[in-house]
Amino acid sequence: MKPLQLFISILTFSLVLSCNEKIKAPEVDYEAKQTEAIKEGVQPFAKNIFSQFTNVRDFTINTDDTEAYFSLQSPGRELSVIMKIEKVNDSWQAPEITNFSGKYTDLEPFLSPDNLKLYFVSNRPISKDNSKTKDMDIWFVERATTTDNWSSPKNIGAPINTEGDEFYPAVAANRTLYFTTIKKELESADDIFMSKWENGTYTEPVILGEGVNTKGAEYNAFIAPDESYIIFGGWRRTDGLGSGDMYMSKNVDGEWTKAENLGKKINSKYMEFCPFVNNETLYFTSRRSNVTKKEEGYTNAEELLSEINRYDNGASRIYKADFSSLLND
């Protein structure tokens, strides 16, 4: 190679290196970005488990995040059974039927803050001598320690249970009970009531104020252990994003503030319900769908089935989201 050509080649190579150094992209921690995106958004919970089912709801979890319960229903809701999952070596194991469920219509489990009582709803007979099912009542099972088996179910009795249906029990640390029912004399849909635990018994239930209840349907309440806030479902409210949205009201000096929609970060244009908060994580049930209809259509069966069977395909499944920012707003 001639000296001039060699000089030009060296000069060109040096310029290329110099340019590359100037336009070199900054390093990006993609893992950190992905973690932050997951923290901010709604995510499937235990996807490998709940993707198997089309109709799950009513999620509750212990304070250690190692034991959880949920309602598993057949697509047509002929069957409704309370299931349990446990975390072993940081992995959720296959669901098992709880020792108190499987025969009757059981749903809406709620673990007490001390993890020693589990409240739920059932149509089971009150008496062992009677095989006839009745309306939906609130029941509970209990245990002496978190490693013991659950007791036989106990009906919570009057004045909570009545001749009508009672649904979705939620209990605070002081055992005050919140639940859903319909009182015909109020001429409204489902409302949320509260009953205090005093002198070893529950007091006559009282309806929560207008900050929570309306003439429409309010249901599926989660009460904070210290009763500082309540999250519940509201059906087709004027500020709703979907058929059913989740709302939050705060307890200020014994009065419930006007409930606010949890917003687009949580609610979708579909139905969200059955909230439960633990360790600044909000768990809830949603029937959201992000199934994509391609403009050009589908020609590949594998691609079509993958889209149809995605987690967020309109089936009733469990999701989670960071709740700390919403709570502090």
C-alpha atoms as a PDB file:
ATOM      1  CA  MET A   1       0.000   0.000   0.000  1.00  0.00           C
ATOM      2  CA  LYS A   2       1.318   3.444  -0.917  1.00  0.00           C
ATOM      3  CA  PRO A   3       2.200   5.825   1.960  1.00  0.00           C
ATOM      4  CA  LEU A   4      -0.582   8.246   0.991  1.00  0.00           C
ATOM      5  CA  GLN A   5      -3.198   5.514   0.892  1.00  0.00           C
ATOM      6  CA  LEU A   6      -1.935   4.135   4.202  1.00  0.00           C
ATOM      7  CA  PHE A   7      -2.190   7.595   5.794  1.00  0.00           C
ATOM      8  CA  ILE A   8      -5.761   8.067   4.527  1.00  0.00           C
ATOM      9  CA  SER A   9      -6.782   4.635   5.827  1.00  0.00           C
ATOM     10  CA  ILE A  10      -5.339   5.326   9.284  1.00  0.00           C
ATOM     11  CA  LEU A  11      -6.975   8.757   9.386  1.00  0.00           C
ATOM     12  CA  THR A  12     -10.373   7.344   8.367  1.00  0.00           C
ATOM     13  CA  PHE A  13     -10.182   4.577  10.973  1.00  0.00           C
ATOM     14  CA  SER A  14      -9.286   7.097  13.688  1.00  0.00           C
ATOM     15  CA  LEU A  15     -12.223   9.328  12.756  1.00  0.00           C
ATOM     16  CA  VAL A  16     -14.611   6.366  12.898  1.00  0.00           C
ATOM     17  CA  LEU A  17     -13.371   5.423  16.378  1.00  0.00           C
ATOM     18  CA  SER A  18     -13.696   9.026  17.505  1.00  0.00           C
ATOM     19  CA  CYS A  19     -17.273   9.259  16.222  1.00  0.00           C
ATOM     20  CA  ASN A  20     -18.202   5.984  17.838  1.00  0.00           C
ATOM     21  CA  GLU A  21     -16.926   7.244  21.159  1.00  0.00           C
ATOM     22  CA  LYS A  22     -18.957  10.431  20.851  1.00  0.00           C
ATOM     23  CA  ILE A  23     -22.248   8.763  19.989  1.00  0.00           C
ATOM     24  CA  LYS A  24     -21.893   5.817  22.336  1.00  0.00           C
ATOM     25  CA  ALA A  25     -25.291   5.304  24.049  1.00  0.00           C
ATOM     26  CA  PRO A  26     -25.423   5.591  27.828  1.00  0.00           C
ATOM     27  CA  GLU A  27     -25.762   2.334  29.731  1.00  0.00           C
ATOM     28  CA  VAL A  28     -29.337   1.528  30.783  1.00  0.00           C
ATOM     29  CA  ASP A  29     -30.301  -0.736  33.673  1.00  0.00           C
ATOM     30  CA  TYR A  30     -33.119  -2.533  31.869  1.00  0.00           C
ATOM     31  CA  GLU A  31     -33.791  -4.829  34.815  1.00  0.00           C
ATOM     32  CA  ALA A  32     -34.332  -1.844  37.104  1.00  0.00           C
ATOM     33  CA  LYS A  33     -36.646  -0.233  34.560  1.00  0.00           C
ATOM     34  CA  GLN A  34     -38.652  -3.427  34.237  1.00  0.00           C
ATOM     35  CA  THR A  35     -38.926  -3.726  38.021  1.00  0.00           C
ATOM     36  CA  GLU A  36     -40.147  -0.127  38.238  1.00  0.00           C
ATOM     37  CA  ALA A  37     -42.719  -0.746  35.492  1.00  0.00           C
ATOM     38  CA  ILE A  38     -44.004  -3.804  37.342  1.00  0.00           C
ATOM     39  CA  LYS A  39     -44.196  -1.823  40.561  1.00  0.00           C
ATOM     40  CA  GLU A  40     -46.282   0.900  38.968  1.00  0.00           C
ATOM     41  CA  GLY A  41     -48.674  -1.229  36.954  1.00  0.00           C
ATOM     42  CA  VAL A  42     -51.309  -3.881  37.501  1.00  0.00           C
ATOM     43  CA  GLN A  43     -49.772  -7.342  37.221  1.00  0.00           C
ATOM     44  CA  PRO A  44     -51.068 -10.937  37.242  1.00  0.00           C
ATOM     45  CA  PHE A  45     -50.614 -12.692  40.578  1.00  0.00           C
ATOM     46  CA  ALA A  46     -49.296 -16.279  40.638  1.00  0.00           C
ATOM     47  CA  LYS A  47     -49.838 -16.478  36.892  1.00  0.00           C
ATOM     48  CA  ASN A  48     -48.809 -20.128  36.651  1.00  0.00           C
ATOM     49  CA  ILE A  49     -51.631 -21.036  39.045  1.00  0.00           C
ATOM     50  CA  PHE A  50     -54.501 -18.742  38.159  1.00  0.00           C
ATOM     51  CA  SER A  51     -54.084 -18.972  34.391  1.00  0.00           C
ATOM     52  CA  GLN A  52     -55.499 -22.526  34.719  1.00  0.00           C
ATOM     53  CA  PHE A  53     -58.930 -21.232  35.779  1.00  0.00           C
ATOM     54  CA  THR A  54     -61.616 -19.060  34.198  1.00  0.00           C
ATOM     55  CA  ASN A  55     -63.485 -18.082  37.353  1.00  0.00           C
ATOM     56  CA  VAL A  56     -61.526 -17.240  40.524  1.00  0.00           C
ATOM     57  CA  ARG A  57     -62.202 -14.415  42.987  1.00  0.00           C
ATOM     58  CA  ASP A  58     -62.108 -13.308  46.664  1.00  0.00           C
ATOM     59  CA  PHE A  59     -58.372 -13.392  47.358  1.00  0.00           C
ATOM     60  CA  THR A  60     -57.039 -13.087  50.931  1.00  0.00           C
ATOM     61  CA  ILE A  61     -53.470 -13.565  52.158  1.00  0.00           C
ATOM     62  CA  ASN A  62     -51.753 -13.828  55.542  1.00  0.00           C
ATOM     63  CA  THR A  63     -49.455 -11.123  56.883  1.00  0.00           C
ATOM     64  CA  ASP A  64     -46.320 -13.174  56.083  1.00  0.00           C
ATOM     65  CA  ASP A  65     -47.289 -13.584  52.405  1.00  0.00           C
ATOM     66  CA  THR A  66     -46.980 -17.371  52.714  1.00  0.00           C
ATOM     67  CA  GLU A  67     -50.595 -18.573  52.872  1.00  0.00           C
ATOM     68  CA  ALA A  68     -53.509 -17.443  50.705  1.00  0.00           C
ATOM     69  CA  TYR A  69     -57.144 -18.384  50.079  1.00  0.00           C
ATOM     70  CA  PHE A  70     -59.518 -17.747  47.193  1.00  0.00           C
ATOM     71  CA  SER A  71     -62.859 -18.849  45.750  1.00  0.00           C
ATOM     72  CA  LEU A  72     -62.730 -21.224  42.796  1.00  0.00           C
ATOM     73  CA  GLN A  73     -65.969 -21.402  40.812  1.00  0.00           C
ATOM     74  CA  SER A  74     -67.080 -23.394  37.804  1.00  0.00           C
ATOM     75  CA  PRO A  75     -67.729 -21.238  34.691  1.00  0.00           C
ATOM     76  CA  GLY A  76     -71.485 -21.383  35.320  1.00  0.00           C
ATOM     77  CA  ARG A  77     -71.022 -20.945  39.116  1.00  0.00           C
ATOM     78  CA  GLU A  78     -72.710 -24.269  39.907  1.00  0.00           C
ATOM     79  CA  LEU A  79     -69.677 -25.054  42.080  1.00  0.00           C
ATOM     80  CA  SER A  80     -67.985 -22.629  44.470  1.00  0.00           C
ATOM     81  CA  VAL A  81     -65.186 -23.881  46.719  1.00  0.00           C
ATOM     82  CA  ILE A  82     -62.639 -22.120  48.944  1.00  0.00           C
ATOM     83  CA  MET A  83     -59.092 -23.108  48.003  1.00  0.00           C
ATOM     84  CA  LYS A  84     -55.748 -22.648  49.722  1.00  0.00           C
ATOM     85  CA  ILE A  85     -52.253 -22.099  48.329  1.00  0.00           C
ATOM     86  CA  GLU A  86     -48.981 -22.062  50.280  1.00  0.00           C
ATOM     87  CA  LYS A  87     -45.595 -20.603  49.425  1.00  0.00           C
ATOM     88  CA  VAL A  88     -42.680 -23.033  49.724  1.00  0.00           C
ATOM     89  CA  ASN A  89     -39.126 -21.940  48.884  1.00  0.00           C
ATOM     90  CA  ASP A  90     -40.509 -18.653  47.527  1.00  0.00           C
ATOM     91  CA  SER A  91     -42.841 -20.475  45.122  1.00  0.00           C
ATOM     92  CA  TRP A  92     -46.620 -20.837  45.320  1.00  0.00           C
ATOM     93  CA  GLN A  93     -47.687 -24.485  45.313  1.00  0.00           C
ATOM     94  CA  ALA A  94     -50.698 -26.108  43.631  1.00  0.00           C
ATOM     95  CA  PRO A  95     -54.090 -25.206  45.149  1.00  0.00           C
ATOM     96  CA  GLU A  96     -55.792 -27.537  47.609  1.00  0.00           C
ATOM     97  CA  ILE A  97     -59.381 -27.630  48.871  1.00  0.00           C
ATOM     98  CA  THR A  98     -59.581 -26.303  52.417  1.00  0.00           C
ATOM     99  CA  ASN A  99     -60.580 -28.759  55.128  1.00  0.00           C
ATOM    100  CA  PHE A 100     -63.933 -26.977  55.655  1.00  0.00           C
ATOM    101  CA  SER A 101     -65.082 -26.491  52.048  1.00  0.00           C
ATOM    102  CA  GLY A 102     -66.021 -28.560  48.998  1.00  0.00           C
ATOM    103  CA  LYS A 103     -69.600 -29.659  49.695  1.00  0.00           C
ATOM    104  CA  TYR A 104     -71.665 -26.462  49.758  1.00  0.00           C
ATOM    105  CA  THR A 105     -71.526 -23.090  48.005  1.00  0.00           C
ATOM    106  CA  ASP A 106     -68.656 -21.363  49.827  1.00  0.00           C
ATOM    107  CA  LEU A 107     -67.037 -18.096  48.771  1.00  0.00           C
ATOM    108  CA  GLU A 108     -65.545 -14.774  49.886  1.00  0.00           C
ATOM    109  CA  PRO A 109     -62.863 -15.838  52.412  1.00  0.00           C
ATOM    110  CA  PHE A 110     -61.297 -13.079  54.547  1.00  0.00           C
ATOM    111  CA  LEU A 111     -58.377 -13.631  56.934  1.00  0.00           C
ATOM    112  CA  SER A 112     -58.416 -11.670  60.180  1.00  0.00           C
ATOM    113  CA  PRO A 113     -55.370  -9.434  60.816  1.00  0.00           C
ATOM    114  CA  ASP A 114     -54.010 -11.918  63.391  1.00  0.00           C
ATOM    115  CA  ASN A 115     -54.374 -14.789  60.859  1.00  0.00           C
ATOM    116  CA  LEU A 116     -56.300 -16.869  63.423  1.00  0.00           C
ATOM    117  CA  LYS A 117     -59.815 -16.531  61.976  1.00  0.00           C
ATOM    118  CA  LEU A 118     -61.071 -16.915  58.450  1.00  0.00           C
ATOM    119  CA  TYR A 119     -64.513 -15.527  57.666  1.00  0.00           C
ATOM    120  CA  PHE A 120     -66.491 -16.640  54.625  1.00  0.00           C
ATOM    121  CA  VAL A 121     -69.978 -16.912  53.158  1.00  0.00           C
ATOM    122  CA  SER A 122     -71.916 -20.160  52.718  1.00  0.00           C
ATOM    123  CA  ASN A 123     -75.367 -21.579  52.088  1.00  0.00           C
ATOM    124  CA  ARG A 124     -74.658 -24.622  54.296  1.00  0.00           C
ATOM    125  CA  PRO A 125     -77.273 -25.759  56.840  1.00  0.00           C
ATOM    126  CA  ILE A 126     -76.920 -24.277  60.309  1.00  0.00           C
ATOM    127  CA  SER A 127     -77.727 -27.597  61.978  1.00  0.00           C
ATOM    128  CA  LYS A 128     -75.804 -30.795  61.306  1.00  0.00           C
ATOM    129  CA  ASP A 129     -79.099 -32.633  61.531  1.00  0.00           C
ATOM    130  CA  ASN A 130     -80.537 -30.661  58.624  1.00  0.00           C
ATOM    131  CA  SER A 131     -79.289 -31.319  55.082  1.00  0.00           C
ATOM    132  CA  LYS A 132     -81.304 -28.486  53.510  1.00  0.00           C
ATOM    133  CA  THR A 133     -79.260 -25.494  52.366  1.00  0.00           C
ATOM    134  CA  LYS A 134     -80.414 -21.986  53.254  1.00  0.00           C
ATOM    135  CA  ASP A 135     -79.707 -18.392  52.256  1.00  0.00           C
ATOM    136  CA  MET A 136     -76.146 -17.034  52.306  1.00  0.00           C
ATOM    137  CA  ASP A 137     -74.837 -16.504  55.849  1.00  0.00           C
ATOM    138  CA  ILE A 138     -71.509 -15.377  57.250  1.00  0.00           C
ATOM    139  CA  TRP A 139     -69.463 -18.178  58.840  1.00  0.00           C
ATOM    140  CA  PHE A 140     -65.968 -18.466  60.271  1.00  0.00           C
ATOM    141  CA  VAL A 141     -63.318 -21.020  61.157  1.00  0.00           C
ATOM    142  CA  GLU A 142     -60.583 -20.450  63.722  1.00  0.00           C
ATOM    143  CA  ARG A 143     -57.310 -21.890  64.985  1.00  0.00           C
ATOM    144  CA  ALA A 144     -55.139 -21.446  68.083  1.00  0.00           C
ATOM    145  CA  THR A 145     -51.911 -20.901  66.124  1.00  0.00           C
ATOM    146  CA  THR A 146     -51.078 -20.336  62.468  1.00  0.00           C
ATOM    147  CA  THR A 147     -49.742 -23.895  62.191  1.00  0.00           C
ATOM    148  CA  ASP A 148     -52.930 -25.549  63.467  1.00  0.00           C
ATOM    149  CA  ASN A 149     -55.764 -26.865  61.307  1.00  0.00           C
ATOM    150  CA  TRP A 150     -58.938 -24.851  60.963  1.00  0.00           C
ATOM    151  CA  SER A 151     -61.858 -25.693  63.226  1.00  0.00           C
ATOM    152  CA  SER A 152     -65.269 -26.786  62.022  1.00  0.00           C
ATOM    153  CA  PRO A 153     -67.239 -23.863  60.514  1.00  0.00           C
ATOM    154  CA  LYS A 154     -69.287 -21.747  62.928  1.00  0.00           C
ATOM    155  CA  ASN A 155     -72.245 -19.589  61.962  1.00  0.00           C
ATOM    156  CA  ILE A 156     -71.680 -16.026  63.181  1.00  0.00           C
ATOM    157  CA  GLY A 157     -75.365 -15.816  64.123  1.00  0.00           C
ATOM    158  CA  ALA A 158     -77.649 -12.910  64.909  1.00  0.00           C
ATOM    159  CA  PRO A 159     -77.696  -9.965  64.697  1.00  0.00           C
ATOM    160  CA  ILE A 160     -75.364 -10.292  61.684  1.00  0.00           C
ATOM    161  CA  ASN A 161     -77.145 -13.131  59.883  1.00  0.00           C
ATOM    162  CA  THR A 162     -80.829 -12.748  59.085  1.00  0.00           C
ATOM    163  CA  GLU A 163     -83.499 -14.367  56.942  1.00  0.00           C
ATOM    164  CA  GLY A 164     -81.912 -12.636  53.952  1.00  0.00           C
ATOM    165  CA  ASP A 165     -78.468 -12.933  52.352  1.00  0.00           C
ATOM    166  CA  GLU A 166     -75.286 -11.585  53.944  1.00  0.00           C
ATOM    167  CA  PHE A 167     -72.136 -11.326  51.876  1.00  0.00           C
ATOM    168  CA  TYR A 168     -68.446 -10.464  51.894  1.00  0.00           C
ATOM    169  CA  PRO A 169     -67.301 -10.229  55.514  1.00  0.00           C
ATOM    170  CA  ALA A 170     -64.277  -8.050  56.313  1.00  0.00           C
ATOM    171  CA  VAL A 171     -62.934  -7.682  59.824  1.00  0.00           C
ATOM    172  CA  ALA A 172     -60.688  -5.092  61.490  1.00  0.00           C
ATOM    173  CA  ALA A 173     -58.082  -5.780  64.184  1.00  0.00           C
ATOM    174  CA  ASN A 174     -60.621  -4.941  66.919  1.00  0.00           C
ATOM    175  CA  ARG A 175     -63.046  -7.515  65.375  1.00  0.00           C
ATOM    176  CA  THR A 176     -65.445  -4.874  64.037  1.00  0.00           C
ATOM    177  CA  LEU A 177     -67.175  -6.562  61.114  1.00  0.00           C
ATOM    178  CA  TYR A 178     -68.079  -5.004  57.769  1.00  0.00           C
ATOM    179  CA  PHE A 179     -70.331  -6.850  55.342  1.00  0.00           C
ATOM    180  CA  THR A 180     -72.782  -6.452  52.457  1.00  0.00           C
ATOM    181  CA  THR A 181     -76.522  -6.990  52.551  1.00  0.00           C
ATOM    182  CA  ILE A 182     -79.785  -5.620  51.169  1.00  0.00           C
ATOM    183  CA  LYS A 183     -82.406  -4.061  53.440  1.00  0.00           C
ATOM    184  CA  LYS A 184     -85.716  -3.789  51.611  1.00  0.00           C
ATOM    185  CA  GLU A 185     -86.859  -0.912  53.786  1.00  0.00           C
ATOM    186  CA  LEU A 186     -83.950   1.229  52.520  1.00  0.00           C
ATOM    187  CA  GLU A 187     -85.162   0.923  48.913  1.00  0.00           C
ATOM    188  CA  SER A 188     -81.592   0.648  47.621  1.00  0.00           C
ATOM    189  CA  ALA A 189     -79.368  -2.039  46.162  1.00  0.00           C
ATOM    190  CA  ASP A 190     -76.523  -3.729  48.075  1.00  0.00           C
ATOM    191  CA  ASP A 191     -75.176  -1.628  50.959  1.00  0.00           C
ATOM    192  CA  ILE A 192     -72.222  -1.995  53.320  1.00  0.00           C
ATOM    193  CA  PHE A 193     -72.964  -2.343  57.043  1.00  0.00           C
ATOM    194  CA  MET A 194     -70.805  -2.389  60.158  1.00  0.00           C
ATOM    195  CA  SER A 195     -71.160  -4.180  63.504  1.00  0.00           C
ATOM    196  CA  LYS A 196     -68.909  -3.674  66.530  1.00  0.00           C
ATOM    197  CA  TRP A 197     -67.637  -6.415  68.821  1.00  0.00           C
ATOM    198  CA  GLU A 198     -68.626  -5.445  72.369  1.00  0.00           C
ATOM    199  CA  ASN A 199     -68.830  -7.530  75.542  1.00  0.00           C
ATOM    200  CA  GLY A 200     -68.314 -10.783  73.678  1.00  0.00           C
ATOM    201  CA  THR A 201     -70.993 -10.239  71.043  1.00  0.00           C
ATOM    202  CA  TYR A 202     -71.743  -8.235  67.928  1.00  0.00           C
ATOM    203  CA  THR A 203     -73.898  -5.126  68.107  1.00  0.00           C
ATOM    204  CA  GLU A 204     -76.860  -4.385  65.857  1.00  0.00           C
ATOM    205  CA  PRO A 205     -75.406  -3.595  62.402  1.00  0.00           C
ATOM    206  CA  VAL A 206     -75.531  -0.003  61.171  1.00  0.00           C
ATOM    207  CA  ILE A 207     -75.254   1.205  57.601  1.00  0.00           C
ATOM    208  CA  LEU A 208     -72.187   3.208  56.590  1.00  0.00           C
ATOM    209  CA  GLY A 209     -72.800   6.821  55.647  1.00  0.00           C
ATOM    210  CA  GLU A 210     -73.331   8.519  52.296  1.00  0.00           C
ATOM    211  CA  GLY A 211     -69.578   8.752  51.762  1.00  0.00           C
ATOM    212  CA  VAL A 212     -69.712   5.023  50.988  1.00  0.00           C
ATOM    213  CA  ASN A 213     -73.288   3.951  50.251  1.00  0.00           C
ATOM    214  CA  THR A 214     -75.637   5.211  47.554  1.00  0.00           C
ATOM    215  CA  LYS A 215     -78.949   4.018  46.118  1.00  0.00           C
ATOM    216  CA  GLY A 216     -76.838   1.873  43.798  1.00  0.00           C
ATOM    217  CA  ALA A 217     -74.892  -1.268  44.695  1.00  0.00           C
ATOM    218  CA  GLU A 218     -71.868  -1.190  47.037  1.00  0.00           C
ATOM    219  CA  TYR A 219     -70.202  -4.502  47.834  1.00  0.00           C
ATOM    220  CA  ASN A 220     -66.997  -6.500  48.472  1.00  0.00           C
ATOM    221  CA  ALA A 221     -65.433  -4.238  51.099  1.00  0.00           C
ATOM    222  CA  PHE A 222     -61.894  -4.454  52.477  1.00  0.00           C
ATOM    223  CA  ILE A 223     -61.442  -2.698  55.798  1.00  0.00           C
ATOM    224  CA  ALA A 224     -57.983  -1.590  56.958  1.00  0.00           C
ATOM    225  CA  PRO A 225     -56.948  -3.309  60.218  1.00  0.00           C
ATOM    226  CA  ASP A 226     -57.056   0.061  62.003  1.00  0.00           C
ATOM    227  CA  GLU A 227     -60.260   1.115  60.168  1.00  0.00           C
ATOM    228  CA  SER A 228     -58.487   4.130  58.669  1.00  0.00           C
ATOM    229  CA  TYR A 229     -59.833   3.398  55.183  1.00  0.00           C
ATOM    230  CA  ILE A 230     -62.197   1.122  53.323  1.00  0.00           C
ATOM    231  CA  ILE A 231     -62.043  -0.109  49.714  1.00  0.00           C
ATOM    232  CA  PHE A 232     -65.168  -1.465  48.065  1.00  0.00           C
ATOM    233  CA  GLY A 233     -66.886  -2.140  44.767  1.00  0.00           C
ATOM    234  CA  GLY A 234     -69.335   0.327  43.239  1.00  0.00           C
ATOM    235  CA  TRP A 235     -71.653  -0.732  40.422  1.00  0.00           C
ATOM    236  CA  ARG A 236     -72.054   1.576  37.408  1.00  0.00           C
ATOM    237  CA  ARG A 237     -71.447   4.834  39.238  1.00  0.00           C
ATOM    238  CA  THR A 238     -71.451   8.064  37.236  1.00  0.00           C
ATOM    239  CA  ASP A 239     -67.664   8.403  37.624  1.00  0.00           C
ATOM    240  CA  GLY A 240     -67.056   4.723  36.871  1.00  0.00           C
ATOM    241  CA  LEU A 241     -64.667   3.460  34.214  1.00  0.00           C
ATOM    242  CA  GLY A 242     -66.310   0.046  33.813  1.00  0.00           C
ATOM    243  CA  SER A 243     -69.298  -1.975  34.923  1.00  0.00           C
ATOM    244  CA  GLY A 244     -67.899  -2.220  38.451  1.00  0.00           C
ATOM    245  CA  ASP A 245     -65.025  -0.137  39.853  1.00  0.00           C
ATOM    246  CA  MET A 246     -63.171  -0.065  43.159  1.00  0.00           C
ATOM    247  CA  TYR A 247     -63.456   2.979  45.406  1.00  0.00           C
ATOM    248  CA  MET A 248     -61.758   4.145  48.592  1.00  0.00           C
ATOM    249  CA  SER A 249     -63.145   6.164  51.495  1.00  0.00           C
ATOM    250  CA  LYS A 250     -61.110   7.345  54.484  1.00  0.00           C
ATOM    251  CA  ASN A 251     -62.186   7.458  58.111  1.00  0.00           C
ATOM    252  CA  VAL A 252     -61.769  11.036  59.363  1.00  0.00           C
ATOM    253  CA  ASP A 253     -62.877  11.600  62.962  1.00  0.00           C
ATOM    254  CA  GLY A 254     -65.364   8.763  62.718  1.00  0.00           C
ATOM    255  CA  GLU A 255     -66.901   9.923  59.436  1.00  0.00           C
ATOM    256  CA  TRP A 256     -66.365   8.282  56.067  1.00  0.00           C
ATOM    257  CA  THR A 257     -65.182  10.730  53.391  1.00  0.00           C
ATOM    258  CA  LYS A 258     -66.761  10.753  49.949  1.00  0.00           C
ATOM    259  CA  ALA A 259     -65.387   7.681  48.218  1.00  0.00           C
ATOM    260  CA  GLU A 260     -63.020   8.263  45.307  1.00  0.00           C
ATOM    261  CA  ASN A 261     -62.523   6.032  42.298  1.00  0.00           C
ATOM    262  CA  LEU A 262     -59.120   4.296  42.421  1.00  0.00           C
ATOM    263  CA  GLY A 263     -58.588   5.511  38.869  1.00  0.00           C
ATOM    264  CA  LYS A 264     -57.143   4.175  35.649  1.00  0.00           C
ATOM    265  CA  LYS A 265     -54.009   2.841  37.345  1.00  0.00           C
ATOM    266  CA  ILE A 266     -56.221   0.145  38.917  1.00  0.00           C
ATOM    267  CA  ASN A 267     -59.684   0.107  37.341  1.00  0.00           C
ATOM    268  CA  SER A 268     -60.355  -0.737  33.708  1.00  0.00           C
ATOM    269  CA  LYS A 269     -63.359  -0.539  31.386  1.00  0.00           C
ATOM    270  CA  TYR A 270     -64.234  -4.021  32.653  1.00  0.00           C
ATOM    271  CA  MET A 271     -65.158  -5.175  36.171  1.00  0.00           C
ATOM    272  CA  GLU A 272     -62.830  -4.953  39.180  1.00  0.00           C
ATOM    273  CA  PHE A 273     -63.906  -6.230  42.600  1.00  0.00           C
ATOM    274  CA  CYS A 274     -62.917  -8.115  45.787  1.00  0.00           C
ATOM    275  CA  PRO A 275     -59.990  -5.990  47.061  1.00  0.00           C
ATOM    276  CA  PHE A 276     -57.523  -7.090  49.742  1.00  0.00           C
ATOM    277  CA  VAL A 277     -54.489  -5.110  50.928  1.00  0.00           C
ATOM    278  CA  ASN A 278     -51.427  -6.648  52.549  1.00  0.00           C
ATOM    279  CA  ASN A 279     -47.948  -5.171  52.996  1.00  0.00           C
ATOM    280  CA  GLU A 280     -48.721  -2.223  50.684  1.00  0.00           C
ATOM    281  CA  THR A 281     -49.874  -4.529  47.893  1.00  0.00           C
ATOM    282  CA  LEU A 282     -53.430  -4.395  46.605  1.00  0.00           C
ATOM    283  CA  TYR A 283     -54.798  -7.744  45.443  1.00  0.00           C
ATOM    284  CA  PHE A 284     -58.073  -7.807  43.551  1.00  0.00           C
ATOM    285  CA  THR A 285     -60.201  -9.682  41.051  1.00  0.00           C
ATOM    286  CA  SER A 286     -60.643  -8.369  37.510  1.00  0.00           C
ATOM    287  CA  ARG A 287     -62.348  -9.425  34.313  1.00  0.00           C
ATOM    288  CA  ARG A 288     -60.164  -7.136  32.224  1.00  0.00           C
ATOM    289  CA  SER A 289     -59.279  -8.085  28.671  1.00  0.00           C
ATOM    290  CA  ASN A 290     -56.441  -7.018  26.396  1.00  0.00           C
ATOM    291  CA  VAL A 291     -57.190  -9.556  23.678  1.00  0.00           C
ATOM    292  CA  THR A 292     -56.157  -8.010  20.364  1.00  0.00           C
ATOM    293  CA  LYS A 293     -58.265  -8.219  17.219  1.00  0.00           C
ATOM    294  CA  LYS A 294     -55.821  -7.966  14.324  1.00  0.00           C
ATOM    295  CA  GLU A 295     -56.952  -5.838  11.407  1.00  0.00           C
ATOM    296  CA  GLU A 296     -55.640  -8.391   8.935  1.00  0.00           C
ATOM    297  CA  GLY A 297     -57.098 -11.279  10.944  1.00  0.00           C
ATOM    298  CA  TYR A 298     -55.438 -14.483  12.149  1.00  0.00           C
ATOM    299  CA  THR A 299     -54.127 -17.252   9.914  1.00  0.00           C
ATOM    300  CA  ASN A 300     -51.892 -19.053  12.414  1.00  0.00           C
ATOM    301  CA  ALA A 301     -53.760 -21.260  14.903  1.00  0.00           C
ATOM    302  CA  GLU A 302     -50.939 -21.206  17.464  1.00  0.00           C
ATOM    303  CA  GLU A 303     -50.881 -17.407  17.448  1.00  0.00           C
ATOM    304  CA  LEU A 304     -54.678 -17.264  17.740  1.00  0.00           C
ATOM    305  CA  LEU A 305     -54.820 -19.664  20.689  1.00  0.00           C
ATOM    306  CA  SER A 306     -52.008 -17.793  22.417  1.00  0.00           C
ATOM    307  CA  GLU A 307     -54.016 -14.574  22.169  1.00  0.00           C
ATOM    308  CA  ILE A 308     -57.268 -16.204  23.303  1.00  0.00           C
ATOM    309  CA  ASN A 309     -55.599 -17.896  26.288  1.00  0.00           C
ATOM    310  CA  ARG A 310     -53.648 -14.886  27.548  1.00  0.00           C
ATOM    311  CA  TYR A 311     -54.058 -14.117  31.262  1.00  0.00           C
ATOM    312  CA  ASP A 312     -56.023 -10.906  30.757  1.00  0.00           C
ATOM    313  CA  ASN A 313     -58.624 -12.366  28.378  1.00  0.00           C
ATOM    314  CA  GLY A 314     -61.822 -11.452  30.226  1.00  0.00           C
ATOM    315  CA  ALA A 315     -61.708 -14.419  32.608  1.00  0.00           C
ATOM    316  CA  SER A 316     -62.137 -13.678  36.313  1.00  0.00           C
ATOM    317  CA  ARG A 317     -58.579 -13.727  37.683  1.00  0.00           C
ATOM    318  CA  ILE A 318     -56.393 -12.333  40.457  1.00  0.00           C
ATOM    319  CA  TYR A 319     -54.163  -9.288  39.979  1.00  0.00           C
ATOM    320  CA  LYS A 320     -51.926  -7.174  42.185  1.00  0.00           C
ATOM    321  CA  ALA A 321     -50.644  -3.599  42.244  1.00  0.00           C
ATOM    322  CA  ASP A 322     -48.502  -1.378  44.458  1.00  0.00           C
ATOM    323  CA  PHE A 323     -50.860   0.410  46.834  1.00  0.00           C
ATOM    324  CA  SER A 324     -48.525   2.723  48.769  1.00  0.00           C
ATOM    325  CA  SER A 325     -48.822   5.659  46.370  1.00  0.00           C
ATOM    326  CA  LEU A 326     -52.623   5.456  46.278  1.00  0.00           C
ATOM    327  CA  LEU A 327     -52.864   5.271  50.042  1.00  0.00           C
ATOM    328  CA  ASN A 328     -50.696   8.350  50.524  1.00  0.00           C
ATOM    329  CA  ASP A 329     -52.474  10.535  47.940  1.00  0.00           C
END
